[in-house]
Amino acid sequence: MSETGTGPVGVVLVSHSAALARATAELATGLAPGGGEVLIEAAGGTEDGALGTSAALIVAAARAVDRGAGVAVLADLGSAVLTVKTLLAEEDELPPGTRLVDAPFVEGAVAAYVSAAAGADLDAVAAAAADAYAYRKV
């Protein structure tokens, strides 16, 4: 558990595609057995199911996973990043301790979730996700 909150760090996956966000969340949870206390939410696509980004879906997802220890947000592409940055700049939109993490979407999501499941605080969760940039495949 984090020293700064009442529960584990939450994870939000922001993608232009609802299917991609859901599948990435499913992959992360499948690779971290015993991480059931950690909440991960997919905020993909728009409210009507189209490709795009929705501020309302992001806010709802962040609020759903917030347990007081912070929320790590990973985003896939440019406008998803811009939407999260805009929400972070607006007071009271996202829970306190919400942080946009600069990390590759899939690998970073898995690393963030596994770290959170191990009880890491927000700084460590963000660092683990960012470290995913260094994963070499060749």
Protein backbone atom coordinates (compact mmCIF):
# COMPACT_ATOMS: atom_id res chain seq x y z
CA MET A 1 0.00 0.00 0.00
CA SER A 2 1.07 3.54 -0.59
CA GLU A 3 2.04 5.71 2.33
CA THR A 4 0.17 8.67 0.83
CA GLY A 5 -3.27 7.15 0.41
CA THR A 6 -5.75 4.64 1.62
CA GLY A 7 -5.29 2.05 -1.08
CA PRO A 8 -3.27 1.06 -4.11
CA VAL A 9 -2.44 3.34 -7.01
CA GLY A 10 -5.11 3.19 -9.71
CA VAL A 11 -4.36 2.92 -13.43
CA VAL A 12 -6.29 4.50 -16.31
CA LEU A 13 -5.66 3.61 -19.95
CA VAL A 14 -6.65 6.31 -22.43
CA SER A 15 -6.83 5.18 -26.03
CA HIS A 16 -8.55 6.31 -29.19
CA SER A 17 -9.96 2.79 -29.34
CA ALA A 18 -12.22 1.35 -26.65
CA ALA A 19 -11.25 -2.16 -27.77
CA LEU A 20 -7.53 -1.41 -27.48
CA ALA A 21 -7.91 0.12 -24.01
CA ARG A 22 -10.00 -2.83 -22.78
CA ALA A 23 -7.62 -5.41 -24.26
CA THR A 24 -4.60 -3.70 -22.72
CA ALA A 25 -6.30 -3.64 -19.32
CA GLU A 26 -7.15 -7.33 -19.71
CA LEU A 27 -3.55 -8.15 -20.61
CA ALA A 28 -2.19 -6.22 -17.62
CA THR A 29 -4.55 -7.87 -15.16
CA GLY A 30 -3.88 -11.29 -16.65
CA LEU A 31 -0.13 -10.89 -16.18
CA ALA A 32 -0.37 -9.80 -12.54
CA PRO A 33 -2.10 -12.56 -10.65
CA GLY A 34 -3.14 -11.42 -7.23
CA GLY A 35 -3.45 -7.79 -8.30
CA GLY A 36 -7.18 -7.80 -7.61
CA GLU A 37 -6.95 -4.90 -5.18
CA VAL A 38 -5.54 -2.64 -7.88
CA LEU A 39 -8.11 -1.00 -10.09
CA ILE A 40 -7.52 -0.44 -13.77
CA GLU A 41 -10.01 1.25 -16.08
CA ALA A 42 -10.13 1.63 -19.82
CA ALA A 43 -11.13 5.06 -21.11
CA GLY A 44 -11.14 4.39 -24.82
CA GLY A 45 -13.01 5.93 -27.67
CA THR A 46 -15.93 8.30 -27.38
CA GLU A 47 -19.23 8.02 -25.53
CA ASP A 48 -20.95 6.80 -28.70
CA GLY A 49 -18.34 4.09 -29.32
CA ALA A 50 -16.48 5.84 -32.11
CA LEU A 51 -12.72 6.24 -32.36
CA GLY A 52 -11.51 9.31 -30.50
CA THR A 53 -11.00 10.57 -26.98
CA SER A 54 -13.53 11.57 -24.38
CA ALA A 55 -12.76 13.84 -21.44
CA ALA A 56 -15.88 12.56 -19.70
CA LEU A 57 -14.76 8.92 -19.99
CA ILE A 58 -11.28 9.81 -18.70
CA VAL A 59 -12.68 11.67 -15.69
CA ALA A 60 -15.09 8.83 -14.88
CA ALA A 61 -12.32 6.23 -15.14
CA ALA A 62 -9.93 8.22 -12.94
CA ARG A 63 -12.59 8.70 -10.29
CA ALA A 64 -13.48 5.00 -10.42
CA VAL A 65 -9.90 3.83 -9.70
CA ASP A 66 -8.96 6.52 -7.17
CA ARG A 67 -8.39 5.13 -3.68
CA GLY A 68 -6.35 8.09 -2.44
CA ALA A 69 -2.88 6.82 -3.41
CA GLY A 70 -2.84 8.44 -6.85
CA VAL A 71 -3.85 7.56 -10.36
CA ALA A 72 -1.38 6.73 -13.14
CA VAL A 73 -2.77 7.64 -16.57
CA LEU A 74 -1.26 6.21 -19.74
CA ALA A 75 -2.34 7.52 -23.13
CA ASP A 76 -1.77 6.16 -26.61
CA LEU A 77 -1.59 9.02 -29.14
CA GLY A 78 -1.35 12.81 -29.41
CA SER A 79 -4.89 14.01 -28.82
CA ALA A 80 -5.37 11.52 -25.98
CA VAL A 81 -2.28 13.03 -24.34
CA LEU A 82 -3.57 16.56 -24.96
CA THR A 83 -6.97 15.71 -23.49
CA VAL A 84 -5.37 14.33 -20.32
CA LYS A 85 -3.06 17.37 -20.05
CA THR A 86 -6.06 19.69 -20.40
CA LEU A 87 -7.93 17.82 -17.66
CA LEU A 88 -4.88 17.97 -15.38
CA ALA A 89 -4.70 21.75 -15.89
CA GLU A 90 -8.34 22.19 -14.90
CA GLU A 91 -8.90 22.30 -11.16
CA ASP A 92 -11.07 19.52 -9.70
CA GLU A 93 -11.54 17.56 -12.93
CA LEU A 94 -9.31 14.64 -12.00
CA PRO A 95 -8.66 13.26 -8.51
CA PRO A 96 -5.73 14.72 -6.58
CA GLY A 97 -2.57 12.75 -7.30
CA THR A 98 -3.50 11.96 -10.89
CA ARG A 99 -0.43 11.85 -13.11
CA LEU A 100 0.06 11.44 -16.84
CA VAL A 101 2.85 8.91 -17.27
CA ASP A 102 5.22 9.12 -20.23
CA ALA A 103 5.44 5.45 -21.20
CA PRO A 104 4.74 3.11 -24.10
CA PHE A 105 1.07 2.25 -23.98
CA VAL A 106 1.00 -1.55 -23.75
CA GLU A 107 4.32 -2.28 -22.04
CA GLY A 108 3.91 0.71 -19.75
CA ALA A 109 0.39 -0.33 -18.78
CA VAL A 110 1.57 -3.80 -17.81
CA ALA A 111 4.52 -2.41 -15.83
CA ALA A 112 2.31 0.15 -14.08
CA TYR A 113 -0.30 -2.41 -13.12
CA VAL A 114 2.23 -5.00 -11.92
CA SER A 115 4.00 -2.31 -9.85
CA ALA A 116 0.76 -1.09 -8.35
CA ALA A 117 -0.23 -4.70 -7.57
CA ALA A 118 3.08 -5.09 -5.72
CA GLY A 119 2.16 -2.12 -3.51
CA ALA A 120 4.34 0.52 -5.14
CA ASP A 121 3.55 4.20 -4.62
CA LEU A 122 2.71 6.54 -7.50
CA ASP A 123 6.34 7.57 -8.10
CA ALA A 124 7.43 3.95 -8.38
CA VAL A 125 4.46 3.02 -10.58
CA ALA A 126 5.26 5.92 -12.93
CA ALA A 127 8.95 4.98 -12.98
CA ALA A 128 8.19 1.34 -13.77
CA ALA A 129 5.93 2.36 -16.64
CA ALA A 130 8.49 4.82 -18.01
CA ASP A 131 11.23 2.18 -17.75
CA ALA A 132 9.28 0.18 -20.31
CA TYR A 133 10.85 2.43 -22.96
CA ALA A 134 14.10 0.57 -22.30
CA TYR A 135 12.65 -2.91 -22.98
CA ARG A 136 14.67 -4.23 -25.90
CA LYS A 137 13.08 -6.65 -28.32
CA VAL A 138 16.19 -7.44 -30.34
